[in-house]
Structure formats: C-alpha cells, structure tokens
PDB file of N, CA and C in Angstrom:
ATOM      1  N   MET A   1      86.619 105.707  88.454  1.00  0.00           N
ATOM      2  CA  MET A   1      85.880 105.682  89.512  1.00  0.00           C
ATOM      3  C   MET A   1      87.313 105.172  90.673  1.00  0.00           C
ATOM      4  N   ILE A   2      87.580 105.890  91.647  1.00  0.00           N
ATOM      5  CA  ILE A   2      88.498 105.431  92.528  1.00  0.00           C
ATOM      6  C   ILE A   2      87.607 104.825  93.888  1.00  0.00           C
ATOM      7  N   VAL A   3      87.789 103.437  94.155  1.00  0.00           N
ATOM      8  CA  VAL A   3      86.753 102.687  95.034  1.00  0.00           C
ATOM      9  C   VAL A   3      88.026 102.095  96.022  1.00  0.00           C
ATOM     10  N   CYS A   4      87.336 101.993  97.422  1.00  0.00           N
ATOM     11  CA  CYS A   4      88.005 101.773  98.416  1.00  0.00           C
ATOM     12  C   CYS A   4      87.362 100.415  98.731  1.00  0.00           C
ATOM     13  N   PHE A   5      88.110  99.169  99.112  1.00  0.00           N
ATOM     14  CA  PHE A   5      87.662  97.866  99.908  1.00  0.00           C
ATOM     15  C   PHE A   5      88.366  97.857 101.000  1.00  0.00           C
ATOM     16  N   PRO A   6      87.939  97.537 102.185  1.00  0.00           N
ATOM     17  CA  PRO A   6      88.409  97.079 103.508  1.00  0.00           C
ATOM     18  C   PRO A   6      89.019  95.773 103.139  1.00  0.00           C
ATOM     19  N   ALA A   7      90.264  95.415 103.961  1.00  0.00           N
ATOM     20  CA  ALA A   7      90.683  94.053 103.508  1.00  0.00           C
ATOM     21  C   ALA A   7      91.671  93.758 104.866  1.00  0.00           C
ATOM     22  N   GLU A   8      91.557  92.489 105.538  1.00  0.00           N
ATOM     23  CA  GLU A   8      92.108  92.156 106.583  1.00  0.00           C
ATOM     24  C   GLU A   8      93.696  91.968 106.252  1.00  0.00           C
ATOM     25  N   ILE A   9      93.707  91.253 105.129  1.00  0.00           N
ATOM     26  CA  ILE A   9      95.406  90.979 104.787  1.00  0.00           C
ATOM     27  C   ILE A   9      95.289  91.730 103.287  1.00  0.00           C
ATOM     28  N   LEU A  10      96.507  92.468 103.214  1.00  0.00           N
ATOM     29  CA  LEU A  10      96.499  93.342 101.692  1.00  0.00           C
ATOM     30  C   LEU A  10      97.434  92.365 101.008  1.00  0.00           C
ATOM     31  N   GLN A  11      96.381  91.898  99.917  1.00  0.00           N
ATOM     32  CA  GLN A  11      96.977  91.105  98.558  1.00  0.00           C
ATOM     33  C   GLN A  11      96.594  91.677  97.250  1.00  0.00           C
ATOM     34  N   GLY A  12      96.467  93.079  97.047  1.00  0.00           N
ATOM     35  CA  GLY A  12      96.022  93.619  96.165  1.00  0.00           C
ATOM     36  C   GLY A  12      94.573  93.193  95.753  1.00  0.00           C
ATOM     37  N   ILE A  13      94.707  93.176  94.277  1.00  0.00           N
ATOM     38  CA  ILE A  13      93.351  92.852  93.576  1.00  0.00           C
ATOM     39  C   ILE A  13      92.773  91.431  94.064  1.00  0.00           C
ATOM     40  N   ASN A  14      93.716  90.739  94.756  1.00  0.00           N
ATOM     41  CA  ASN A  14      93.160  89.287  95.104  1.00  0.00           C
ATOM     42  C   ASN A  14      92.829  89.299  96.915  1.00  0.00           C
ATOM     43  N   SER A  15      92.854  90.552  97.455  1.00  0.00           N
ATOM     44  CA  SER A  15      92.353  90.676  98.850  1.00  0.00           C
ATOM     45  C   SER A  15      91.167  90.118  99.218  1.00  0.00           C
ATOM     46  N   THR A  16      90.575  89.823  99.911  1.00  0.00           N
ATOM     47  CA  THR A  16      89.374  89.214 100.558  1.00  0.00           C
ATOM     48  C   THR A  16      88.742  90.553 101.084  1.00  0.00           C
ATOM     49  N   VAL A  17      87.641  91.034 100.636  1.00  0.00           N
ATOM     50  CA  VAL A  17      86.891  91.987 101.439  1.00  0.00           C
ATOM     51  C   VAL A  17      86.574  91.879 102.686  1.00  0.00           C
ATOM     52  N   TYR A  18      86.826  92.618 103.560  1.00  0.00           N
ATOM     53  CA  TYR A  18      86.747  92.489 105.104  1.00  0.00           C
ATOM     54  C   TYR A  18      85.358  92.664 105.371  1.00  0.00           C
ATOM     55  N   GLY A  19      84.965  92.309 106.238  1.00  0.00           N
ATOM     56  CA  GLY A  19      83.289  92.328 107.042  1.00  0.00           C
ATOM     57  C   GLY A  19      83.175  93.594 107.341  1.00  0.00           C
ATOM     58  N   HIS A  20      84.113  94.359 107.930  1.00  0.00           N
ATOM     59  CA  HIS A  20      83.511  95.733 108.465  1.00  0.00           C
ATOM     60  C   HIS A  20      84.572  96.741 108.093  1.00  0.00           C
ATOM     61  N   PHE A  21      83.975  98.014 107.938  1.00  0.00           N
ATOM     62  CA  PHE A  21      84.911  99.018 107.459  1.00  0.00           C
ATOM     63  C   PHE A  21      85.789  99.588 108.513  1.00  0.00           C
ATOM     64  N   GLY A  22      85.266 100.225 109.677  1.00  0.00           N
ATOM     65  CA  GLY A  22      86.003 100.593 110.533  1.00  0.00           C
ATOM     66  C   GLY A  22      87.311  99.815 111.272  1.00  0.00           C
ATOM     67  N   SER A  23      87.021  98.546 111.426  1.00  0.00           N
ATOM     68  CA  SER A  23      88.074  97.980 111.990  1.00  0.00           C
ATOM     69  C   SER A  23      88.709  97.012 111.216  1.00  0.00           C
ATOM     70  N   ALA A  24      88.919  97.319 110.085  1.00  0.00           N
ATOM     71  CA  ALA A  24      89.716  96.662 108.948  1.00  0.00           C
ATOM     72  C   ALA A  24      91.025  96.941 109.032  1.00  0.00           C
ATOM     73  N   PRO A  25      92.172  96.102 108.988  1.00  0.00           N
ATOM     74  CA  PRO A  25      93.419  96.422 109.005  1.00  0.00           C
ATOM     75  C   PRO A  25      93.999  97.590 107.936  1.00  0.00           C
ATOM     76  N   GLY A  26      93.381  97.095 106.825  1.00  0.00           N
ATOM     77  CA  GLY A  26      93.875  98.245 105.771  1.00  0.00           C
ATOM     78  C   GLY A  26      92.505  98.343 104.333  1.00  0.00           C
ATOM     79  N   PHE A  27      93.273  98.738 103.392  1.00  0.00           N
ATOM     80  CA  PHE A  27      92.252  99.280 102.671  1.00  0.00           C
ATOM     81  C   PHE A  27      93.225  99.044 101.223  1.00  0.00           C
ATOM     82  N   VAL A  28      92.315  98.266 100.102  1.00  0.00           N
ATOM     83  CA  VAL A  28      92.859  98.405  98.978  1.00  0.00           C
ATOM     84  C   VAL A  28      91.974  99.396  98.117  1.00  0.00           C
ATOM     85  N   ILE A  29      92.881 100.239  97.265  1.00  0.00           N
ATOM     86  CA  ILE A  29      92.137 101.442  96.689  1.00  0.00           C
ATOM     87  C   ILE A  29      92.472 101.156  95.083  1.00  0.00           C
ATOM     88  N   VAL A  30      91.340 100.817  94.532  1.00  0.00           N
ATOM     89  CA  VAL A  30      91.443 100.661  93.109  1.00  0.00           C
ATOM     90  C   VAL A  30      90.548 101.692  92.043  1.00  0.00           C
ATOM     91  N   ASN A  31      91.450 102.188  91.048  1.00  0.00           N
ATOM     92  CA  ASN A  31      91.111 102.887  90.131  1.00  0.00           C
ATOM     93  C   ASN A  31      90.390 102.069  88.888  1.00  0.00           C
ATOM     94  N   THR A  32      89.042 102.120  88.994  1.00  0.00           N
ATOM     95  CA  THR A  32      88.280 101.177  88.323  1.00  0.00           C
ATOM     96  C   THR A  32      88.631 101.342  86.627  1.00  0.00           C
ATOM     97  N   GLU A  33      89.172 102.726  86.408  1.00  0.00           N
ATOM     98  CA  GLU A  33      89.269 102.991  84.877  1.00  0.00           C
ATOM     99  C   GLU A  33      90.562 102.179  84.218  1.00  0.00           C
ATOM    100  N   ASP A  34      91.347 102.106  84.952  1.00  0.00           N
ATOM    101  CA  ASP A  34      93.044 101.554  84.606  1.00  0.00           C
ATOM    102  C   ASP A  34      93.269 100.361  85.452  1.00  0.00           C
ATOM    103  N   MET A  35      92.399  99.976  86.371  1.00  0.00           N
ATOM    104  CA  MET A  35      92.497  98.865  87.459  1.00  0.00           C
ATOM    105  C   MET A  35      93.797  98.928  88.263  1.00  0.00           C
ATOM    106  N   SER A  36      94.484 100.135  88.284  1.00  0.00           N
ATOM    107  CA  SER A  36      95.689 100.505  89.044  1.00  0.00           C
ATOM    108  C   SER A  36      95.274 100.576  90.516  1.00  0.00           C
ATOM    109  N   LEU A  37      96.132 100.187  91.515  1.00  0.00           N
ATOM    110  CA  LEU A  37      95.779  99.955  92.970  1.00  0.00           C
ATOM    111  C   LEU A  37      97.018 100.634  93.638  1.00  0.00           C
ATOM    112  N   LYS A  38      96.346 100.960  94.994  1.00  0.00           N
ATOM    113  CA  LYS A  38      97.285 101.133  96.334  1.00  0.00           C
ATOM    114  C   LYS A  38      96.871 100.697  97.531  1.00  0.00           C
ATOM    115  N   GLU A  39      97.293 100.244  98.087  1.00  0.00           N
ATOM    116  CA  GLU A  39      97.175  99.777  99.636  1.00  0.00           C
ATOM    117  C   GLU A  39      97.529 100.588 100.764  1.00  0.00           C
ATOM    118  N   ILE A  40      96.697 100.895 101.439  1.00  0.00           N
ATOM    119  CA  ILE A  40      96.894 101.634 102.700  1.00  0.00           C
ATOM    120  C   ILE A  40      96.584 101.054 104.162  1.00  0.00           C
ATOM    121  N   GLN A  41      97.392 101.267 105.073  1.00  0.00           N
ATOM    122  CA  GLN A  41      97.068 100.875 106.499  1.00  0.00           C
ATOM    123  C   GLN A  41      95.876 101.837 106.791  1.00  0.00           C
ATOM    124  N   ASN A  42      94.761 101.216 107.926  1.00  0.00           N
ATOM    125  CA  ASN A  42      93.789 101.646 108.509  1.00  0.00           C
ATOM    126  C   ASN A  42      94.443 102.838 109.574  1.00  0.00           C
ATOM    127  N   GLY A  43      94.248 103.991 109.341  1.00  0.00           N
ATOM    128  CA  GLY A  43      94.623 105.110 110.401  1.00  0.00           C
ATOM    129  C   GLY A  43      93.802 105.148 111.284  1.00  0.00           C
ATOM    130  N   ASP A  44      92.660 104.801 111.611  1.00  0.00           N
ATOM    131  CA  ASP A  44      91.760 104.902 112.608  1.00  0.00           C
ATOM    132  C   ASP A  44      91.374 103.269 113.038  1.00  0.00           C
ATOM    133  N   GLN A  45      91.933 102.572 113.048  1.00  0.00           N
ATOM    134  CA  GLN A  45      91.592 101.215 113.082  1.00  0.00           C
ATOM    135  C   GLN A  45      90.950 100.979 114.483  1.00  0.00           C
ATOM    136  N   HIS A  46      91.621 101.464 115.644  1.00  0.00           N
ATOM    137  CA  HIS A  46      91.261 101.313 116.919  1.00  0.00           C
ATOM    138  C   HIS A  46      90.632 102.435 117.945  1.00  0.00           C
ATOM    139  N   HIS A  47      89.304 102.638 117.160  1.00  0.00           N
ATOM    140  CA  HIS A  47      88.551 103.563 117.522  1.00  0.00           C
ATOM    141  C   HIS A  47      87.425 103.123 118.643  1.00  0.00           C
ATOM    142  N   ALA A  48      86.560 103.886 119.224  1.00  0.00           N
ATOM    143  CA  ALA A  48      85.584 103.330 119.983  1.00  0.00           C
ATOM    144  C   ALA A  48      84.286 103.301 119.065  1.00  0.00           C
ATOM    145  N   HIS A  49      83.268 102.720 119.483  1.00  0.00           N
ATOM    146  CA  HIS A  49      82.066 102.525 118.636  1.00  0.00           C
ATOM    147  C   HIS A  49      81.429 103.739 118.300  1.00  0.00           C
ATOM    148  N   GLY A  50      81.188 104.074 117.200  1.00  0.00           N
ATOM    149  CA  GLY A  50      80.341 105.233 116.847  1.00  0.00           C
ATOM    150  C   GLY A  50      81.134 106.366 116.495  1.00  0.00           C
ATOM    151  N   MET A  51      82.773 106.161 116.577  1.00  0.00           N
ATOM    152  CA  MET A  51      83.507 107.327 116.677  1.00  0.00           C
ATOM    153  C   MET A  51      84.427 106.973 115.272  1.00  0.00           C
ATOM    154  N   CYS A  52      84.070 106.155 114.353  1.00  0.00           N
ATOM    155  CA  CYS A  52      85.037 106.021 113.169  1.00  0.00           C
ATOM    156  C   CYS A  52      84.909 107.201 112.416  1.00  0.00           C
ATOM    157  N   GLN A  53      86.018 107.718 111.989  1.00  0.00           N
ATOM    158  CA  GLN A  53      86.329 108.693 111.386  1.00  0.00           C
ATOM    159  C   GLN A  53      86.764 108.207 109.876  1.00  0.00           C
ATOM    160  N   PRO A  54      85.897 108.127 108.892  1.00  0.00           N
ATOM    161  CA  PRO A  54      86.252 107.121 107.793  1.00  0.00           C
ATOM    162  C   PRO A  54      87.503 108.113 106.935  1.00  0.00           C
ATOM    163  N   LEU A  55      87.355 109.291 107.104  1.00  0.00           N
ATOM    164  CA  LEU A  55      88.499 109.958 106.159  1.00  0.00           C
ATOM    165  C   LEU A  55      89.782 109.696 106.797  1.00  0.00           C
ATOM    166  N   LYS A  56      89.916 109.868 107.973  1.00  0.00           N
ATOM    167  CA  LYS A  56      91.346 109.593 108.864  1.00  0.00           C
ATOM    168  C   LYS A  56      91.303 108.124 108.553  1.00  0.00           C
ATOM    169  N   ALA A  57      90.770 107.107 108.784  1.00  0.00           N
ATOM    170  CA  ALA A  57      90.859 105.805 108.292  1.00  0.00           C
ATOM    171  C   ALA A  57      91.631 105.684 106.789  1.00  0.00           C
ATOM    172  N   LEU A  58      91.214 106.493 105.955  1.00  0.00           N
ATOM    173  CA  LEU A  58      91.819 106.457 104.891  1.00  0.00           C
ATOM    174  C   LEU A  58      92.979 107.168 104.538  1.00  0.00           C
ATOM    175  N   GLY A  59      93.403 107.972 105.567  1.00  0.00           N
ATOM    176  CA  GLY A  59      94.634 108.579 105.332  1.00  0.00           C
ATOM    177  C   GLY A  59      94.421 110.028 104.501  1.00  0.00           C
ATOM    178  N   GLY A  60      93.287 110.399 104.324  1.00  0.00           N
ATOM    179  CA  GLY A  60      93.323 111.455 103.292  1.00  0.00           C
ATOM    180  C   GLY A  60      93.218 111.050 102.055  1.00  0.00           C
ATOM    181  N   GLN A  61      93.080 109.765 101.842  1.00  0.00           N
ATOM    182  CA  GLN A  61      93.117 109.131 100.277  1.00  0.00           C
ATOM    183  C   GLN A  61      91.482 109.530  99.820  1.00  0.00           C
ATOM    184  N   LYS A  62      91.433 110.426  98.795  1.00  0.00           N
ATOM    185  CA  LYS A  62      90.228 110.665  98.177  1.00  0.00           C
ATOM    186  C   LYS A  62      89.683 109.365  97.289  1.00  0.00           C
ATOM    187  N   VAL A  63      88.451 109.077  97.585  1.00  0.00           N
ATOM    188  CA  VAL A  63      87.654 107.913  97.023  1.00  0.00           C
ATOM    189  C   VAL A  63      86.207 108.586  96.823  1.00  0.00           C
ATOM    190  N   ASP A  64      85.754 107.791  95.485  1.00  0.00           N
ATOM    191  CA  ASP A  64      84.564 108.037  94.976  1.00  0.00           C
ATOM    192  C   ASP A  64      83.454 107.208  95.666  1.00  0.00           C
ATOM    193  N   ALA A  65      83.960 106.008  95.970  1.00  0.00           N
ATOM    194  CA  ALA A  65      83.291 105.069  96.522  1.00  0.00           C
ATOM    195  C   ALA A  65      83.632 103.803  97.327  1.00  0.00           C
ATOM    196  N   VAL A  66      83.012 103.386  98.334  1.00  0.00           N
ATOM    197  CA  VAL A  66      83.599 102.396  99.312  1.00  0.00           C
ATOM    198  C   VAL A  66      82.578 101.191  99.085  1.00  0.00           C
ATOM    199  N   VAL A  67      83.282  99.935  99.176  1.00  0.00           N
ATOM    200  CA  VAL A  67      82.439  98.930  98.779  1.00  0.00           C
ATOM    201  C   VAL A  67      83.001  98.023 100.286  1.00  0.00           C
ATOM    202  N   VAL A  68      81.690  97.581 100.919  1.00  0.00           N
ATOM    203  CA  VAL A  68      82.042  97.046 102.256  1.00  0.00           C
ATOM    204  C   VAL A  68      80.592  96.006 102.586  1.00  0.00           C
ATOM    205  N   ALA A  69      80.990  95.147 103.119  1.00  0.00           N
ATOM    206  CA  ALA A  69      79.913  94.185 103.812  1.00  0.00           C
ATOM    207  C   ALA A  69      79.101  94.845 104.939  1.00  0.00           C
ATOM    208  N   ALA A  70      79.622  95.563 105.898  1.00  0.00           N
ATOM    209  CA  ALA A  70      79.340  96.238 107.146  1.00  0.00           C
ATOM    210  C   ALA A  70      80.009  97.479 107.530  1.00  0.00           C
ATOM    211  N   ILE A  71      78.879  98.142 107.997  1.00  0.00           N
ATOM    212  CA  ILE A  71      79.373  99.665 108.500  1.00  0.00           C
ATOM    213  C   ILE A  71      78.621 100.365 109.347  1.00  0.00           C
ATOM    214  N   GLY A  72      79.144 101.048 110.179  1.00  0.00           N
ATOM    215  CA  GLY A  72      78.396 101.823 111.278  1.00  0.00           C
ATOM    216  C   GLY A  72      77.727 102.813 110.652  1.00  0.00           C
ATOM    217  N   MET A  73      76.454 103.241 111.040  1.00  0.00           N
ATOM    218  CA  MET A  73      75.889 104.371 110.797  1.00  0.00           C
ATOM    219  C   MET A  73      76.496 105.694 110.791  1.00  0.00           C
ATOM    220  N   GLY A  74      77.472 105.907 111.641  1.00  0.00           N
ATOM    221  CA  GLY A  74      78.328 107.268 111.688  1.00  0.00           C
ATOM    222  C   GLY A  74      79.148 107.114 110.721  1.00  0.00           C
ATOM    223  N   ALA A  75      79.808 106.162 110.510  1.00  0.00           N
ATOM    224  CA  ALA A  75      80.747 106.008 109.213  1.00  0.00           C
ATOM    225  C   ALA A  75      80.333 106.222 107.968  1.00  0.00           C
ATOM    226  N   LEU A  76      79.115 105.444 107.611  1.00  0.00           N
ATOM    227  CA  LEU A  76      78.105 105.615 106.479  1.00  0.00           C
ATOM    228  C   LEU A  76      77.890 107.076 106.237  1.00  0.00           C
ATOM    229  N   MET A  77      77.065 107.604 107.309  1.00  0.00           N
ATOM    230  CA  MET A  77      76.656 108.978 107.423  1.00  0.00           C
ATOM    231  C   MET A  77      77.853 109.967 106.946  1.00  0.00           C
ATOM    232  N   GLY A  78      79.200 109.864 107.573  1.00  0.00           N
ATOM    233  CA  GLY A  78      80.362 110.554 107.272  1.00  0.00           C
ATOM    234  C   GLY A  78      80.764 110.529 105.914  1.00  0.00           C
ATOM    235  N   LEU A  79      80.756 109.222 105.314  1.00  0.00           N
ATOM    236  CA  LEU A  79      81.201 109.110 104.007  1.00  0.00           C
ATOM    237  C   LEU A  79      80.059 109.548 103.052  1.00  0.00           C
ATOM    238  N   GLN A  80      78.885 109.633 103.196  1.00  0.00           N
ATOM    239  CA  GLN A  80      77.953 109.923 102.337  1.00  0.00           C
ATOM    240  C   GLN A  80      77.961 111.542 102.127  1.00  0.00           C
ATOM    241  N   ALA A  81      77.968 112.210 103.459  1.00  0.00           N
ATOM    242  CA  ALA A  81      78.188 113.718 103.921  1.00  0.00           C
ATOM    243  C   ALA A  81      79.461 114.347 102.639  1.00  0.00           C
ATOM    244  N   GLN A  82      80.328 113.426 102.449  1.00  0.00           N
ATOM    245  CA  GLN A  82      81.581 113.823 101.735  1.00  0.00           C
ATOM    246  C   GLN A  82      81.442 113.534 100.327  1.00  0.00           C
ATOM    247  N   GLY A  83      80.274 112.813  99.996  1.00  0.00           N
ATOM    248  CA  GLY A  83      80.035 112.555  98.657  1.00  0.00           C
ATOM    249  C   GLY A  83      80.283 111.486  97.987  1.00  0.00           C
ATOM    250  N   VAL A  84      80.987 110.391  99.190  1.00  0.00           N
ATOM    251  CA  VAL A  84      81.045 109.138  98.448  1.00  0.00           C
ATOM    252  C   VAL A  84      79.985 108.146  98.906  1.00  0.00           C
ATOM    253  N   ARG A  85      80.023 107.526  97.623  1.00  0.00           N
ATOM    254  CA  ARG A  85      78.775 106.373  97.585  1.00  0.00           C
ATOM    255  C   ARG A  85      79.408 105.108  98.109  1.00  0.00           C
ATOM    256  N   VAL A  86      78.433 104.448  99.035  1.00  0.00           N
ATOM    257  CA  VAL A  86      78.824 103.312  99.522  1.00  0.00           C
ATOM    258  C   VAL A  86      78.044 102.219  99.332  1.00  0.00           C
ATOM    259  N   TYR A  87      78.514 101.064  98.886  1.00  0.00           N
ATOM    260  CA  TYR A  87      78.043  99.966  98.159  1.00  0.00           C
ATOM    261  C   TYR A  87      78.082  98.589  99.104  1.00  0.00           C
ATOM    262  N   ARG A  88      77.226  97.802  99.161  1.00  0.00           N
ATOM    263  CA  ARG A  88      77.243  96.875  99.852  1.00  0.00           C
ATOM    264  C   ARG A  88      78.228  95.635  98.963  1.00  0.00           C
ATOM    265  N   ALA A  89      79.207  94.984  99.749  1.00  0.00           N
ATOM    266  CA  ALA A  89      79.856  93.905  99.215  1.00  0.00           C
ATOM    267  C   ALA A  89      79.409  92.812  99.289  1.00  0.00           C
ATOM    268  N   VAL A  90      79.816  91.757  98.205  1.00  0.00           N
ATOM    269  CA  VAL A  90      79.417  90.268  98.573  1.00  0.00           C
ATOM    270  C   VAL A  90      80.754  89.552  98.821  1.00  0.00           C
ATOM    271  N   GLU A  91      80.530  88.476  99.457  1.00  0.00           N
ATOM    272  CA  GLU A  91      81.963  87.646  99.875  1.00  0.00           C
ATOM    273  C   GLU A  91      82.745  87.500  98.912  1.00  0.00           C
ATOM    274  N   GLY A  92      83.901  87.393  98.931  1.00  0.00           N
ATOM    275  CA  GLY A  92      84.773  87.280  97.845  1.00  0.00           C
ATOM    276  C   GLY A  92      85.725  88.393  98.124  1.00  0.00           C
ATOM    277  N   THR A  93      86.562  88.325  96.819  1.00  0.00           N
ATOM    278  CA  THR A  93      87.901  89.222  96.526  1.00  0.00           C
ATOM    279  C   THR A  93      87.290  90.684  96.050  1.00  0.00           C
ATOM    280  N   VAL A  94      88.610  91.428  96.107  1.00  0.00           N
ATOM    281  CA  VAL A  94      88.113  92.673  95.417  1.00  0.00           C
ATOM    282  C   VAL A  94      88.162  92.652  93.860  1.00  0.00           C
ATOM    283  N   ARG A  95      88.652  91.899  93.532  1.00  0.00           N
ATOM    284  CA  ARG A  95      88.328  91.580  92.076  1.00  0.00           C
ATOM    285  C   ARG A  95      86.913  91.190  91.686  1.00  0.00           C
ATOM    286  N   GLU A  96      86.305  90.127  92.308  1.00  0.00           N
ATOM    287  CA  GLU A  96      85.136  89.676  92.055  1.00  0.00           C
ATOM    288  C   GLU A  96      84.195  91.038  92.436  1.00  0.00           C
ATOM    289  N   ASN A  97      84.345  91.868  93.444  1.00  0.00           N
ATOM    290  CA  ASN A  97      83.326  92.940  93.897  1.00  0.00           C
ATOM    291  C   ASN A  97      83.409  94.186  92.679  1.00  0.00           C
ATOM    292  N   VAL A  98      84.796  94.232  92.145  1.00  0.00           N
ATOM    293  CA  VAL A  98      84.932  95.171  91.315  1.00  0.00           C
ATOM    294  C   VAL A  98      84.020  94.834  89.884  1.00  0.00           C
ATOM    295  N   ASP A  99      84.053  93.677  89.401  1.00  0.00           N
ATOM    296  CA  ASP A  99      83.579  93.110  88.555  1.00  0.00           C
ATOM    297  C   ASP A  99      81.756  93.369  88.775  1.00  0.00           C
ATOM    298  N   LEU A 100      81.442  93.100  89.723  1.00  0.00           N
ATOM    299  CA  LEU A 100      79.876  93.162  90.154  1.00  0.00           C
ATOM    300  C   LEU A 100      79.650  94.580  90.278  1.00  0.00           C
ATOM    301  N   MET A 101      80.500  95.477  90.778  1.00  0.00           N
ATOM    302  CA  MET A 101      80.319  96.802  90.623  1.00  0.00           C
ATOM    303  C   MET A 101      80.074  97.378  89.106  1.00  0.00           C
ATOM    304  N   GLN A 102      80.903  97.129  88.528  1.00  0.00           N
ATOM    305  CA  GLN A 102      81.252  97.542  87.292  1.00  0.00           C
ATOM    306  C   GLN A 102      79.942  97.143  86.200  1.00  0.00           C
ATOM    307  N   ARG A 103      79.257  95.876  86.707  1.00  0.00           N
ATOM    308  CA  ARG A 103      78.122  95.266  86.038  1.00  0.00           C
ATOM    309  C   ARG A 103      76.965  95.884  86.618  1.00  0.00           C
ATOM    310  N   GLY A 104      76.959  96.760  87.467  1.00  0.00           N
ATOM    311  CA  GLY A 104      75.716  97.535  88.033  1.00  0.00           C
ATOM    312  C   GLY A 104      75.108  96.330  89.292  1.00  0.00           C
ATOM    313  N   VAL A 105      75.621  95.556  89.776  1.00  0.00           N
ATOM    314  CA  VAL A 105      75.076  94.444  90.515  1.00  0.00           C
ATOM    315  C   VAL A 105      74.961  94.904  91.833  1.00  0.00           C
ATOM    316  N   LEU A 106      76.079  95.590  92.407  1.00  0.00           N
ATOM    317  CA  LEU A 106      76.045  95.859  94.204  1.00  0.00           C
ATOM    318  C   LEU A 106      74.979  96.899  94.324  1.00  0.00           C
ATOM    319  N   PRO A 107      74.404  96.640  95.505  1.00  0.00           N
ATOM    320  CA  PRO A 107      73.346  97.674  95.768  1.00  0.00           C
ATOM    321  C   PRO A 107      74.222  98.855  96.479  1.00  0.00           C
ATOM    322  N   GLN A 108      73.688  99.913  96.675  1.00  0.00           N
ATOM    323  CA  GLN A 108      74.288 101.224  97.510  1.00  0.00           C
ATOM    324  C   GLN A 108      73.649 100.650  98.839  1.00  0.00           C
ATOM    325  N   PHE A 109      74.706 101.143  99.899  1.00  0.00           N
ATOM    326  CA  PHE A 109      74.115 100.286 101.152  1.00  0.00           C
ATOM    327  C   PHE A 109      73.049 101.541 101.671  1.00  0.00           C
ATOM    328  N   GLU A 110      72.200 100.856 102.451  1.00  0.00           N
ATOM    329  CA  GLU A 110      71.160 101.794 102.956  1.00  0.00           C
ATOM    330  C   GLU A 110      71.144 101.923 104.565  1.00  0.00           C
ATOM    331  N   ALA A 111      70.849 102.990 105.367  1.00  0.00           N
ATOM    332  CA  ALA A 111      70.935 102.974 106.736  1.00  0.00           C
ATOM    333  C   ALA A 111      70.138 101.713 107.490  1.00  0.00           C
ATOM    334  N   LYS A 112      69.391 100.844 107.140  1.00  0.00           N
ATOM    335  CA  LYS A 112      68.931 100.071 107.732  1.00  0.00           C
ATOM    336  C   LYS A 112      69.806  98.700 107.715  1.00  0.00           C
ATOM    337  N   PHE A 113      70.637  98.785 107.015  1.00  0.00           N
ATOM    338  CA  PHE A 113      71.738  97.716 106.972  1.00  0.00           C
ATOM    339  C   PHE A 113      72.996  98.018 107.818  1.00  0.00           C
ATOM    340  N   THR A 114      73.154  99.025 108.424  1.00  0.00           N
ATOM    341  CA  THR A 114      74.327  99.310 109.431  1.00  0.00           C
ATOM    342  C   THR A 114      74.361  98.701 110.468  1.00  0.00           C
ATOM    343  N   CYS A 115      75.610  98.678 111.210  1.00  0.00           N
ATOM    344  CA  CYS A 115      75.772  97.900 112.214  1.00  0.00           C
ATOM    345  C   CYS A 115      75.711  98.677 113.562  1.00  0.00           C
ATOM    346  N   ALA A 116      75.303  97.607 114.379  1.00  0.00           N
ATOM    347  CA  ALA A 116      74.801  98.252 115.812  1.00  0.00           C
ATOM    348  C   ALA A 116      76.002  98.477 116.763  1.00  0.00           C
ATOM    349  N   GLY A 117      77.201  97.795 116.459  1.00  0.00           N
ATOM    350  CA  GLY A 117      78.386  97.804 117.155  1.00  0.00           C
ATOM    351  C   GLY A 117      79.335  97.000 116.875  1.00  0.00           C
ATOM    352  N   HIS A 118      80.690  96.975 117.414  1.00  0.00           N
ATOM    353  CA  HIS A 118      81.592  96.252 116.937  1.00  0.00           C
ATOM    354  C   HIS A 118      81.682  94.767 117.824  1.00  0.00           C
ATOM    355  N   ALA A 119      80.963  94.659 118.960  1.00  0.00           N
ATOM    356  CA  ALA A 119      80.738  93.500 119.498  1.00  0.00           C
ATOM    357  C   ALA A 119      79.331  93.248 119.812  1.00  0.00           C
ATOM    358  N   GLY A 120      79.178  91.972 120.469  1.00  0.00           N
ATOM    359  CA  GLY A 120      77.660  92.006 120.929  1.00  0.00           C
ATOM    360  C   GLY A 120      76.577  91.535 120.019  1.00  0.00           C
ATOM    361  N   GLY A 121      77.073  91.365 118.583  1.00  0.00           N
ATOM    362  CA  GLY A 121      76.033  90.737 117.608  1.00  0.00           C
ATOM    363  C   GLY A 121      75.793  92.026 116.776  1.00  0.00           C
ATOM    364  N   GLY A 122      76.014  93.176 116.952  1.00  0.00           N
ATOM    365  CA  GLY A 122      75.722  94.260 116.016  1.00  0.00           C
ATOM    366  C   GLY A 122      75.816  93.924 114.742  1.00  0.00           C
ATOM    367  N   CYS A 123      77.051  93.402 114.341  1.00  0.00           N
ATOM    368  CA  CYS A 123      77.513  93.111 112.905  1.00  0.00           C
ATOM    369  C   CYS A 123      77.728  91.455 112.806  1.00  0.00           C
ATOM    370  N   ALA A 124      76.924  90.774 113.514  1.00  0.00           N
ATOM    371  CA  ALA A 124      77.186  89.161 113.542  1.00  0.00           C
ATOM    372  C   ALA A 124      77.269  88.915 112.025  1.00  0.00           C
ATOM    373  N   GLY A 125      78.412  87.871 111.988  1.00  0.00           N
ATOM    374  CA  GLY A 125      78.649  87.304 110.811  1.00  0.00           C
ATOM    375  C   GLY A 125      79.230  88.245 109.546  1.00  0.00           C
ATOM    376  N   HIS A 126      79.940  89.480 109.861  1.00  0.00           N
ATOM    377  CA  HIS A 126      80.466  90.562 109.114  1.00  0.00           C
ATOM    378  C   HIS A 126      81.881  90.658 109.333  1.00  0.00           C
ATOM    379  N   HIS A 127      82.091  90.001 110.355  1.00  0.00           N
ATOM    380  CA  HIS A 127      83.775  90.045 110.826  1.00  0.00           C
ATOM    381  C   HIS A 127      84.253  88.933 110.443  1.00  0.00           C
TER     382      HIS A 127
END
C-alpha cells in the first residue's frame, strides 16, 4: 500500500506527522510492502480555506491512503472521491503511524472530525 504522511520537516521514516494535511510543507510517501519512501513538497500549501486540492498538493503522486491528524472536509471528500482512504494519525513519527496502521489500530477519518478552518480554532491543537 502506498501511504502519504504530511510532515513539517522531511526526515524520511523519522519525520513527525504534521497536524494538518493541506498546510503541511511536505509529504512522506511510504510503500508499506517494502518500506521504500520518497519525499515531496506540498504543491498546494498556500491555498484559501476550503480550496485545498489534495491531488495538486501531492504533485500527481498516486497514493492508496493518507494518514493525518487533521484535515478539512473538502480535502477529505476530494481524497475519498478518488478512492483514497484517510486514516486518523496519532502523535509521533511516520514509522510509529505505519506500525499502528499495519496492526489495524488507526481509525479511518470520519467527516465529524474534520477542521472548520486554518485559523480561529477550527483545528486547535492540530497545528
């Protein structure tokens, strides 16, 4: 499975999972079958609230899943419409979240947990 993790500082498997998908500076893409990875910059980092384009952010990189602590409704719906599963991350590194995902512990993201905005408390505690 090809899994995307937003990261503030790209440090491979040891990157800390960033709190919000759309405003993450970059992404760590992990192939969980062989643990190979690549890092990419967020191609849509400076978008207006509600205008996140997840596939643009990923630079066309195909992924099966995204693991993130917080995400806006538009981005969640956009990813799901493309068949991408979205999981709710726990604090920690990409490595820790991959392990939890492979053990089936990470829950899929539900609409009720999405962010209301980039500022003003919509995602308080996730940035």
